[in-house]
Amino acid sequence: MSIRREMEIRLQEAFNPSRLEVVDDSDSHIGHAGHDGQGESHFNVMIRAEVFAGMNRVAQHRAVHKALGDIVPRIHALALDIGS
């Protein structure tokens, strides 16, 4: 299973989002640090879920990182766009 798909499943299960987009942006980073030529190194995540309402930005990011668990150390970069 791809890392992108693993991320989608974990975020869906953890937050039941109203909107979720996980984009593998690795090809935009060819030649940059952390890109090994195999892809699945740089991701952009846009997630909207009611659970994030009232949480500050740091708490939102911590919640997403916790839900992704062991995926985070396997990738080089993760850009998050979080909201309720």
N, C-alpha and C. Protein backbone atom coordinates (compact mmCIF):
# COMPACT_ATOMS: atom_id res chain seq x y z
N MET A 1 0.84 -1.17 0.00
CA MET A 1 0.00 0.00 0.00
C MET A 1 0.89 1.24 0.00
N SER A 2 0.49 2.23 -0.75
CA SER A 2 1.28 3.46 -0.83
C SER A 2 1.19 4.25 0.48
N ILE A 3 2.18 5.06 0.73
CA ILE A 3 2.17 5.93 1.92
C ILE A 3 0.98 6.88 1.84
N ARG A 4 0.72 7.42 0.67
CA ARG A 4 -0.42 8.33 0.51
C ARG A 4 -1.71 7.65 0.95
N ARG A 5 -1.92 6.43 0.53
CA ARG A 5 -3.15 5.70 0.89
C ARG A 5 -3.19 5.40 2.38
N GLU A 6 -2.05 5.02 2.97
CA GLU A 6 -1.99 4.80 4.42
C GLU A 6 -2.38 6.06 5.18
N MET A 7 -1.88 7.21 4.70
CA MET A 7 -2.20 8.48 5.35
C MET A 7 -3.70 8.75 5.27
N GLU A 8 -4.29 8.55 4.11
CA GLU A 8 -5.73 8.77 3.94
C GLU A 8 -6.54 7.91 4.91
N ILE A 9 -6.19 6.65 5.00
CA ILE A 9 -6.93 5.74 5.88
C ILE A 9 -6.81 6.15 7.33
N ARG A 10 -5.60 6.43 7.78
CA ARG A 10 -5.41 6.81 9.19
C ARG A 10 -6.12 8.12 9.54
N LEU A 11 -6.03 9.10 8.65
CA LEU A 11 -6.69 10.39 8.92
C LEU A 11 -8.20 10.25 8.88
N GLN A 12 -8.72 9.44 7.98
CA GLN A 12 -10.16 9.20 7.90
C GLN A 12 -10.65 8.53 9.19
N GLU A 13 -9.93 7.53 9.65
CA GLU A 13 -10.32 6.81 10.86
C GLU A 13 -10.21 7.69 12.10
N ALA A 14 -9.19 8.51 12.18
CA ALA A 14 -8.96 9.33 13.38
C ALA A 14 -9.89 10.52 13.48
N PHE A 15 -10.26 11.14 12.33
CA PHE A 15 -10.95 12.42 12.39
C PHE A 15 -12.31 12.47 11.68
N ASN A 16 -12.65 11.44 10.90
CA ASN A 16 -13.89 11.46 10.13
C ASN A 16 -14.08 12.82 9.47
N PRO A 17 -13.13 13.23 8.64
CA PRO A 17 -13.16 14.59 8.08
C PRO A 17 -14.29 14.80 7.07
N SER A 18 -14.73 16.05 7.00
CA SER A 18 -15.70 16.43 5.98
C SER A 18 -15.00 16.62 4.64
N ARG A 19 -13.71 16.89 4.70
CA ARG A 19 -12.90 17.02 3.48
C ARG A 19 -11.48 16.59 3.78
N LEU A 20 -10.90 15.82 2.86
CA LEU A 20 -9.54 15.34 3.04
C LEU A 20 -8.88 15.21 1.68
N GLU A 21 -7.73 15.82 1.55
CA GLU A 21 -6.91 15.68 0.34
C GLU A 21 -5.48 15.40 0.77
N VAL A 22 -4.93 14.31 0.29
CA VAL A 22 -3.54 13.96 0.55
C VAL A 22 -2.86 13.93 -0.81
N VAL A 23 -1.91 14.83 -1.01
CA VAL A 23 -1.24 14.97 -2.30
C VAL A 23 0.24 14.62 -2.14
N ASP A 24 0.70 13.68 -2.95
CA ASP A 24 2.12 13.34 -3.01
C ASP A 24 2.78 14.38 -3.92
N ASP A 25 3.54 15.27 -3.31
CA ASP A 25 4.18 16.38 -4.02
C ASP A 25 5.66 16.11 -4.26
N SER A 26 6.06 14.86 -4.19
CA SER A 26 7.48 14.50 -4.27
C SER A 26 8.12 14.93 -5.58
N ASP A 27 7.41 14.81 -6.68
CA ASP A 27 8.00 15.16 -7.97
C ASP A 27 8.39 16.64 -8.06
N SER A 28 7.77 17.49 -7.27
CA SER A 28 8.12 18.91 -7.25
C SER A 28 9.44 19.16 -6.54
N HIS A 29 9.98 18.13 -5.90
CA HIS A 29 11.20 18.29 -5.10
C HIS A 29 12.36 17.47 -5.62
N ILE A 30 12.29 17.05 -6.87
CA ILE A 30 13.39 16.30 -7.46
C ILE A 30 14.65 17.16 -7.40
N GLY A 31 15.72 16.57 -6.88
CA GLY A 31 16.98 17.29 -6.75
C GLY A 31 17.15 17.99 -5.42
N HIS A 32 16.10 18.04 -4.61
CA HIS A 32 16.17 18.69 -3.30
C HIS A 32 16.48 17.65 -2.23
N ALA A 33 16.84 18.12 -1.07
CA ALA A 33 17.13 17.24 0.06
C ALA A 33 15.91 16.40 0.39
N GLY A 34 16.15 15.16 0.72
CA GLY A 34 15.08 14.28 1.14
C GLY A 34 14.38 13.55 0.01
N HIS A 35 14.66 13.91 -1.23
CA HIS A 35 14.05 13.22 -2.36
C HIS A 35 15.05 12.18 -2.87
N ASP A 36 14.69 10.92 -2.71
CA ASP A 36 15.62 9.85 -3.08
C ASP A 36 15.37 9.31 -4.49
N GLY A 37 14.48 9.95 -5.23
CA GLY A 37 14.19 9.52 -6.58
C GLY A 37 13.09 8.47 -6.66
N GLN A 38 12.63 8.00 -5.52
CA GLN A 38 11.61 6.97 -5.51
C GLN A 38 10.22 7.52 -5.21
N GLY A 39 10.12 8.79 -4.87
CA GLY A 39 8.83 9.40 -4.57
C GLY A 39 8.37 9.12 -3.15
N GLU A 40 7.18 9.54 -2.87
CA GLU A 40 6.57 9.40 -1.55
C GLU A 40 7.46 9.93 -0.43
N SER A 41 7.97 11.14 -0.65
CA SER A 41 8.83 11.78 0.34
C SER A 41 8.27 13.12 0.82
N HIS A 42 7.45 13.77 0.00
CA HIS A 42 6.89 15.09 0.31
C HIS A 42 5.37 15.05 0.12
N PHE A 43 4.64 15.47 1.15
CA PHE A 43 3.18 15.42 1.08
C PHE A 43 2.55 16.73 1.53
N ASN A 44 1.42 17.04 0.90
CA ASN A 44 0.56 18.15 1.31
C ASN A 44 -0.76 17.53 1.75
N VAL A 45 -1.22 17.89 2.95
CA VAL A 45 -2.48 17.38 3.47
C VAL A 45 -3.39 18.55 3.78
N MET A 46 -4.60 18.49 3.22
CA MET A 46 -5.66 19.44 3.57
C MET A 46 -6.75 18.62 4.23
N ILE A 47 -7.09 18.98 5.47
CA ILE A 47 -8.10 18.24 6.21
C ILE A 47 -9.04 19.20 6.93
N ARG A 48 -10.32 18.90 6.86
CA ARG A 48 -11.35 19.67 7.57
C ARG A 48 -12.16 18.69 8.41
N ALA A 49 -12.22 18.94 9.71
CA ALA A 49 -12.97 18.07 10.61
C ALA A 49 -13.42 18.87 11.82
N GLU A 50 -14.59 18.57 12.30
CA GLU A 50 -15.14 19.29 13.46
C GLU A 50 -14.26 19.16 14.70
N VAL A 51 -13.55 18.06 14.83
CA VAL A 51 -12.72 17.84 16.00
C VAL A 51 -11.66 18.94 16.17
N PHE A 52 -11.30 19.60 15.09
CA PHE A 52 -10.28 20.65 15.16
C PHE A 52 -10.82 22.00 15.65
N ALA A 53 -12.13 22.14 15.71
CA ALA A 53 -12.73 23.41 16.18
C ALA A 53 -12.29 23.66 17.63
N GLY A 54 -11.82 24.84 17.89
CA GLY A 54 -11.40 25.20 19.23
C GLY A 54 -9.98 24.78 19.59
N MET A 55 -9.34 24.01 18.75
CA MET A 55 -7.96 23.62 19.01
C MET A 55 -7.03 24.67 18.41
N ASN A 56 -5.95 24.98 19.10
CA ASN A 56 -4.98 25.89 18.51
C ASN A 56 -4.17 25.14 17.46
N ARG A 57 -3.40 25.88 16.71
CA ARG A 57 -2.66 25.31 15.58
C ARG A 57 -1.69 24.20 16.01
N VAL A 58 -1.00 24.42 17.11
CA VAL A 58 -0.04 23.41 17.59
C VAL A 58 -0.78 22.13 17.96
N ALA A 59 -1.90 22.24 18.64
CA ALA A 59 -2.68 21.06 19.03
C ALA A 59 -3.21 20.33 17.79
N GLN A 60 -3.62 21.07 16.78
CA GLN A 60 -4.09 20.44 15.54
C GLN A 60 -2.97 19.64 14.89
N HIS A 61 -1.80 20.24 14.79
CA HIS A 61 -0.66 19.57 14.16
C HIS A 61 -0.25 18.34 14.96
N ARG A 62 -0.25 18.47 16.28
CA ARG A 62 0.11 17.31 17.12
C ARG A 62 -0.89 16.18 16.92
N ALA A 63 -2.17 16.50 16.81
CA ALA A 63 -3.20 15.48 16.61
C ALA A 63 -3.00 14.75 15.29
N VAL A 64 -2.69 15.48 14.24
CA VAL A 64 -2.46 14.86 12.94
C VAL A 64 -1.21 13.99 12.97
N HIS A 65 -0.14 14.51 13.56
CA HIS A 65 1.09 13.72 13.65
C HIS A 65 0.86 12.44 14.45
N LYS A 66 0.09 12.54 15.54
CA LYS A 66 -0.21 11.36 16.35
C LYS A 66 -1.00 10.34 15.53
N ALA A 67 -1.98 10.80 14.77
CA ALA A 67 -2.79 9.89 13.95
C ALA A 67 -1.94 9.21 12.87
N LEU A 68 -0.97 9.93 12.33
CA LEU A 68 -0.12 9.36 11.28
C LEU A 68 0.94 8.41 11.85
N GLY A 69 1.27 8.62 13.12
CA GLY A 69 2.17 7.70 13.82
C GLY A 69 3.48 7.45 13.10
N ASP A 70 3.76 6.18 12.83
CA ASP A 70 5.05 5.78 12.27
C ASP A 70 5.25 6.18 10.81
N ILE A 71 4.26 6.80 10.20
CA ILE A 71 4.43 7.29 8.83
C ILE A 71 5.34 8.52 8.82
N VAL A 72 5.19 9.38 9.81
CA VAL A 72 5.92 10.65 9.83
C VAL A 72 7.44 10.47 9.69
N PRO A 73 8.07 9.56 10.42
CA PRO A 73 9.51 9.40 10.25
C PRO A 73 9.92 8.81 8.90
N ARG A 74 8.98 8.25 8.17
CA ARG A 74 9.28 7.63 6.87
C ARG A 74 9.25 8.62 5.72
N ILE A 75 8.80 9.85 5.97
CA ILE A 75 8.73 10.85 4.92
C ILE A 75 9.65 12.03 5.26
N HIS A 76 9.93 12.85 4.25
CA HIS A 76 10.84 13.98 4.46
C HIS A 76 10.10 15.26 4.83
N ALA A 77 8.94 15.49 4.20
CA ALA A 77 8.24 16.76 4.43
C ALA A 77 6.73 16.55 4.43
N LEU A 78 6.06 17.30 5.33
CA LEU A 78 4.61 17.22 5.46
C LEU A 78 4.07 18.63 5.67
N ALA A 79 3.32 19.11 4.69
CA ALA A 79 2.68 20.43 4.81
C ALA A 79 1.22 20.20 5.19
N LEU A 80 0.77 20.87 6.24
CA LEU A 80 -0.59 20.67 6.73
C LEU A 80 -1.44 21.92 6.60
N ASP A 81 -2.64 21.75 6.11
CA ASP A 81 -3.67 22.79 6.05
C ASP A 81 -4.86 22.21 6.80
N ILE A 82 -5.05 22.66 8.05
CA ILE A 82 -6.03 22.05 8.94
C ILE A 82 -7.11 23.07 9.29
N GLY A 83 -8.34 22.60 9.35
CA GLY A 83 -9.45 23.47 9.76
C GLY A 83 -10.66 22.65 10.17
N SER A 84 -11.66 23.36 10.64
CA SER A 84 -12.89 22.67 11.06
C SER A 84 -13.99 22.86 10.04
